[in-house]
Protein backbone atom coordinates (compact mmCIF):
# COMPACT_ATOMS: atom_id res chain seq x y z
CA MET A 1 17.67 -3.02 -15.03
CA PHE A 2 15.93 -6.50 -15.30
CA GLU A 3 17.04 -7.51 -11.51
CA LEU A 4 15.64 -4.39 -10.54
CA ILE A 5 12.10 -4.50 -12.15
CA PHE A 6 11.43 -8.47 -12.46
CA PRO A 7 10.15 -8.85 -8.60
CA GLY A 8 7.94 -5.99 -8.91
CA TRP A 9 6.61 -7.43 -12.36
CA LEU A 10 6.16 -10.84 -11.09
CA SER A 11 4.40 -9.87 -8.31
CA GLY A 12 1.88 -8.13 -10.32
CA VAL A 13 1.46 -11.48 -12.11
CA PHE A 14 0.93 -13.18 -8.79
CA LEU A 15 -1.68 -10.58 -8.12
CA SER A 16 -3.31 -10.67 -11.24
CA PHE A 17 -4.28 -14.36 -10.23
CA ALA A 18 -6.31 -12.58 -7.12
CA THR A 19 -7.83 -9.55 -8.95
CA GLY A 20 -8.96 -11.32 -11.81
CA PRO A 21 -11.47 -13.40 -10.42
CA LEU A 22 -12.13 -11.10 -7.38
CA GLY A 23 -12.36 -8.05 -9.90
CA ALA A 24 -14.75 -9.68 -11.82
CA PHE A 25 -17.37 -10.23 -8.72
CA ILE A 26 -16.80 -6.59 -7.76
CA VAL A 27 -17.66 -5.48 -11.30
CA TRP A 28 -20.89 -7.76 -11.19
CA ARG A 29 -22.00 -6.44 -7.96
CA ARG A 30 -21.06 -2.80 -8.33
CA MET A 31 -18.65 -2.84 -5.51
CA SER A 32 -16.09 -0.90 -6.65
CA SER A 33 -17.01 1.94 -4.12
CA PHE A 34 -16.52 -0.81 -1.26
CA GLY A 35 -12.70 -1.12 -2.74
CA ASP A 36 -12.13 2.20 -2.83
CA THR A 37 -13.45 2.76 0.91
CA LEU A 38 -10.64 -0.29 2.03
CA SER A 39 -7.82 1.22 0.20
CA HIS A 40 -8.51 4.85 1.38
CA SER A 41 -8.96 3.42 4.91
CA SER A 42 -5.70 1.40 4.73
CA LEU A 43 -3.86 4.99 5.29
CA LEU A 44 -5.50 5.30 8.48
CA GLY A 45 -3.98 1.62 8.96
CA LEU A 46 -0.56 2.60 8.09
CA ALA A 47 -0.91 5.65 10.49
CA ILE A 48 -1.81 3.46 13.11
CA SER A 49 1.38 0.93 12.48
CA ILE A 50 3.53 4.06 12.45
CA ILE A 51 2.33 5.28 15.82
CA LEU A 52 2.69 1.64 17.08
CA GLN A 53 5.83 1.34 15.39
CA THR A 54 4.86 -2.18 14.13
CA ASN A 55 5.16 -4.04 10.47
CA SER A 56 2.52 -1.97 8.35
CA PHE A 57 1.33 -4.83 6.18
CA TYR A 58 -0.13 -7.09 9.67
CA ILE A 59 -1.57 -3.65 11.02
CA ILE A 60 -3.10 -2.81 7.69
CA LEU A 61 -4.86 -6.38 6.99
CA VAL A 62 -6.39 -6.29 10.36
CA PHE A 63 -7.56 -2.77 10.43
CA ILE A 64 -9.09 -3.31 6.76
CA SER A 65 -10.58 -6.87 7.68
CA LEU A 66 -12.07 -5.51 10.73
CA LEU A 67 -13.42 -2.80 8.97
CA ALA A 68 -14.85 -5.22 6.33
CA LEU A 69 -16.62 -6.91 9.05
CA CYS A 70 -18.13 -3.70 10.36
CA LEU A 71 -19.42 -2.99 6.86
CA ALA A 72 -20.60 -6.23 6.27
CA TRP A 73 -22.61 -5.82 9.72
CA LEU A 74 -23.69 -2.09 8.72
CA GLU A 75 -25.11 -3.13 5.51
CA LYS A 76 -27.35 -5.54 7.32
CA ILE A 77 -28.88 -3.32 10.18
CA LEU A 78 -28.77 0.17 8.95
CA PRO A 79 -31.88 1.59 6.89
CA ILE A 80 -29.48 3.68 4.87
CA SER A 81 -27.87 2.49 1.57
CA LEU A 82 -24.49 1.18 1.53
CA GLU A 83 -23.22 3.66 -0.79
CA THR A 84 -23.58 6.28 1.63
CA ILE A 85 -22.31 4.37 4.36
CA LEU A 86 -18.85 3.74 1.98
CA THR A 87 -18.58 7.38 1.22
CA ILE A 88 -18.86 8.58 4.59
CA ILE A 89 -16.00 5.95 6.10
CA SER A 90 -13.90 6.14 2.83
CA HIS A 91 -13.29 10.13 3.26
CA SER A 92 -13.24 10.01 7.02
CA SER A 93 -10.73 7.20 7.13
CA LEU A 94 -8.54 8.86 4.55
CA SER A 95 -8.53 12.12 6.05
CA LEU A 96 -8.03 10.89 9.58
CA GLY A 97 -5.03 8.89 8.24
CA MET A 98 -3.65 11.96 6.46
CA VAL A 99 -3.82 14.00 9.85
CA LEU A 100 -2.38 11.22 11.84
CA ILE A 101 0.36 10.86 9.47
CA SER A 102 1.20 14.38 8.83
CA LEU A 103 1.23 14.72 13.19
CA VAL A 104 3.67 12.04 13.17
CA SER A 105 5.76 13.05 10.23
CA ASN A 106 6.71 16.19 12.41
CA SER A 107 8.90 14.40 14.60
CA LYS A 108 10.28 11.97 11.60
CA GLN A 109 10.77 11.76 8.23
CA ILE A 110 7.96 9.80 6.62
CA ASN A 111 7.51 9.03 3.06
CA PHE A 112 3.70 7.90 2.34
CA ASN A 113 3.86 8.62 -1.40
CA ASN A 114 4.68 4.72 -2.04
CA TYR A 115 1.50 3.99 -0.04
CA LEU A 116 -0.65 6.42 -2.37
CA PHE A 117 0.84 5.57 -5.26
CA GLY A 118 2.97 2.52 -4.90
CA ASP A 119 6.52 1.70 -5.26
CA LEU A 120 7.22 -1.09 -7.95
CA LEU A 121 10.93 -0.65 -7.12
CA SER A 122 10.63 -1.48 -3.57
CA ILE A 123 9.53 -4.99 -4.22
CA LYS A 124 12.08 -7.32 -2.93
CA ILE A 125 12.61 -11.08 -3.50
CA SER A 126 11.40 -11.55 0.19
CA ASP A 127 7.93 -9.59 -0.68
CA LEU A 128 7.21 -12.25 -3.43
CA PHE A 129 6.45 -15.02 -1.12
CA SER A 130 3.89 -12.54 0.92
CA ILE A 131 2.05 -11.70 -2.33
CA PHE A 132 2.43 -15.15 -3.63
CA LEU A 133 0.75 -16.69 -0.78
CA GLY A 134 -2.16 -14.03 -0.08
CA SER A 135 -3.02 -14.09 -3.88
CA ILE A 136 -3.12 -17.94 -3.83
CA ILE A 137 -5.44 -17.99 -0.47
CA VAL A 138 -7.84 -15.36 -2.40
CA LEU A 139 -7.77 -17.91 -5.31
CA ILE A 140 -8.48 -20.86 -3.35
CA VAL A 141 -11.36 -19.40 -1.38
CA LEU A 142 -12.86 -17.85 -4.52
CA ILE A 143 -12.55 -21.19 -6.44
CA ILE A 144 -14.12 -23.08 -3.26
CA ARG A 145 -17.01 -20.84 -2.91
CA TRP A 146 -17.45 -20.03 -6.55
CA ASN A 147 -20.94 -21.25 -6.92
CA SER A 148 -22.53 -19.76 -4.13
CA ILE A 149 -20.80 -16.46 -4.55
CA LEU A 150 -22.00 -16.64 -8.13
CA LEU A 151 -25.45 -17.63 -7.44
CA VAL A 152 -25.85 -14.69 -4.78
CA THR A 153 -24.77 -12.29 -7.57
CA ILE A 154 -26.91 -13.57 -10.18
CA ASN A 155 -29.97 -13.80 -8.33
CA PRO A 156 -30.11 -13.68 -4.30
CA GLU A 157 -33.41 -14.46 -3.80
CA LEU A 158 -32.79 -18.04 -5.37
CA ALA A 159 -29.79 -18.41 -3.48
CA GLN A 160 -31.56 -17.76 -0.09
CA ILE A 161 -34.17 -20.31 -0.95
CA ASP A 162 -31.23 -22.97 -1.82
CA GLY A 163 -30.02 -22.19 1.85
CA ILE A 164 -27.06 -19.94 1.02
CA ASN A 165 -26.52 -17.67 3.71
CA LEU A 166 -26.37 -14.21 2.01
CA PHE A 167 -24.27 -12.63 4.64
CA TYR A 168 -21.25 -14.91 4.84
CA VAL A 169 -21.27 -14.69 1.10
CA ARG A 170 -20.70 -10.72 1.26
CA LEU A 171 -18.57 -11.43 3.60
CA THR A 172 -16.42 -13.59 1.84
CA LEU A 173 -16.10 -11.17 -0.80
CA MET A 174 -15.29 -8.44 1.79
CA LEU A 175 -12.55 -10.18 3.56
CA THR A 176 -11.07 -11.37 0.21
CA THR A 177 -10.90 -7.97 -0.95
CA ALA A 178 -9.42 -6.77 2.34
CA LEU A 179 -6.52 -9.23 1.95
CA THR A 180 -6.06 -8.56 -1.80
CA ILE A 181 -5.69 -4.68 -1.38
CA SER A 182 -3.28 -5.17 1.71
CA ILE A 183 -0.85 -7.58 -0.24
CA ALA A 184 -1.12 -4.79 -3.25
CA ILE A 185 -0.66 -1.65 -1.78
CA LYS A 186 3.15 -1.80 -1.83
CA PHE A 187 2.86 -2.49 -5.68
CA VAL A 188 -0.02 -0.22 -6.99
CA GLY A 189 -0.70 2.28 -3.85
CA ALA A 190 -3.93 3.07 -1.91
CA LEU A 191 -5.35 5.35 -4.70
CA LEU A 192 -4.67 3.10 -7.61
CA ILE A 193 -5.49 -0.67 -6.27
CA THR A 194 -9.19 -0.55 -6.87
CA SER A 195 -8.51 0.49 -10.81
CA LEU A 196 -6.48 -3.30 -11.21
CA LEU A 197 -9.40 -4.82 -9.54
CA VAL A 198 -12.08 -2.96 -11.60
CA ILE A 199 -10.71 -2.23 -15.49
CA PRO A 200 -9.41 -5.62 -16.37
CA PRO A 201 -12.43 -7.39 -15.46
CA ALA A 202 -14.52 -4.84 -17.02
CA THR A 203 -12.67 -5.07 -20.02
CA ALA A 204 -12.80 -8.65 -20.17
CA GLN A 205 -16.61 -8.28 -20.40
CA TYR A 206 -16.51 -7.74 -23.79
CA PHE A 207 -14.73 -10.67 -24.84
CA SER A 208 -16.46 -13.15 -22.87
CA ASN A 209 -20.05 -14.82 -22.85
CA SER A 210 -19.49 -16.78 -19.41
CA PRO A 211 -18.44 -15.99 -16.03
CA GLU A 212 -15.66 -18.37 -16.12
CA LYS A 213 -14.31 -17.24 -19.30
CA MET A 214 -14.43 -13.26 -18.18
CA VAL A 215 -12.26 -14.30 -15.02
CA ILE A 216 -9.58 -16.17 -17.16
CA ILE A 217 -9.55 -13.16 -19.86
CA GLY A 218 -9.53 -10.67 -16.67
CA ILE A 219 -6.28 -12.23 -15.51
CA LEU A 220 -4.70 -12.42 -18.94
CA ILE A 221 -5.68 -8.82 -19.62
CA SER A 222 -4.26 -7.65 -16.06
CA ILE A 223 -0.94 -9.39 -16.88
CA LEU A 224 -0.95 -7.60 -20.04
CA SER A 225 -1.27 -4.33 -18.40
CA ILE A 226 1.02 -4.97 -16.09
CA THR A 227 3.57 -6.04 -18.71
CA GLY A 228 2.43 -3.11 -20.73
CA GLY A 229 2.91 -0.42 -17.93
CA VAL A 230 6.11 -1.59 -16.67
CA ILE A 231 7.82 -1.65 -20.05
CA SER A 232 5.94 1.92 -20.88
CA SER A 233 7.55 3.22 -17.35
CA ILE A 234 11.06 2.11 -18.42
CA PHE A 235 11.00 3.39 -22.07
CA PHE A 236 9.18 6.88 -21.10
CA HIS A 237 10.73 7.14 -17.52
CA ILE A 238 7.44 7.67 -16.07
CA PRO A 239 6.05 6.14 -12.58
CA THR A 240 5.30 2.71 -13.04
CA SER A 241 1.95 2.25 -11.05
CA PRO A 242 0.17 4.71 -12.88
CA SER A 243 1.45 3.77 -16.12
CA ILE A 244 -0.12 0.00 -15.41
CA VAL A 245 -3.25 1.75 -14.64
CA LEU A 246 -3.09 4.17 -17.85
CA PHE A 247 -2.09 1.24 -19.85
CA ALA A 248 -5.15 -1.04 -18.40
CA SER A 249 -7.42 1.91 -19.42
CA LEU A 250 -6.19 2.15 -22.88
CA LEU A 251 -7.15 -1.56 -23.07
CA TYR A 252 -10.43 -0.74 -21.71
CA LEU A 253 -11.08 2.23 -24.32
CA SER A 254 -10.14 0.12 -27.12
CA SER A 255 -12.29 -2.91 -26.25
CA ALA A 256 -14.90 -0.60 -25.88
CA ILE A 257 -14.54 1.57 -28.93
CA LYS A 258 -14.22 -1.96 -30.96
CA ASN A 259 -17.31 -3.44 -29.25
CA PHE A 260 -19.32 0.02 -30.48
CA PHE A 261 -18.37 -0.20 -33.89
CA CYS A 262 -18.71 -4.19 -33.81
CA GLU A 263 -22.54 -3.59 -33.10
CA LYS A 264 -23.13 -0.86 -35.73
CA LEU A 265 -21.88 -2.97 -38.62
């Protein structure tokens, strides 16, 4: 059992080093809808990879990266809010992806539940390299661009005065989110990945008084959620990926209740 679970658990630990800092910016900038849009749109990328009979990881990565570029451009030129754009694209891509997959599945047997909800047991040792490399790339990019992204998040006007290009900072966040979602889909699934990006950093807010501390605590909470979710799934014989999200939600709820009573006292 340990040999079966360990690669999936370790891949989740690797992902935590990407989702922790990236998720903090997503929470600060209220970009959870953007994460949902990319994760839902990944199903359309999956459908394209099935039709083209190519490796799904690379097609999904290229597809949602191009989508991130388009969203950054649309946010800049369209008069309507980004939230409206995200909602339209998210539901349209998800629907089109499911329609295409259902049409293709008439001629061949396709199980896309793994991409919707994740499949921890499908993670192999060979997958760990891609997940580790992708997580390291995201972490390095965020560390290098940390000051500019943080300034844009806190005060966009001041960042612009300092000569920081707001468009490229937003694009950096969008592309790193696209990469993280691409490497995480096999682990937690398209419908659950945004939870892993949002819930641990949101929980970390209750225990931190600086951005850097929030990122570190967010990574630790993410690792704790993954470990607790894996153990719970083994003990109660329930799906692993939803168990991870529920465990993370339980940590958030406990932290929120604790914070509420501490403020009352």
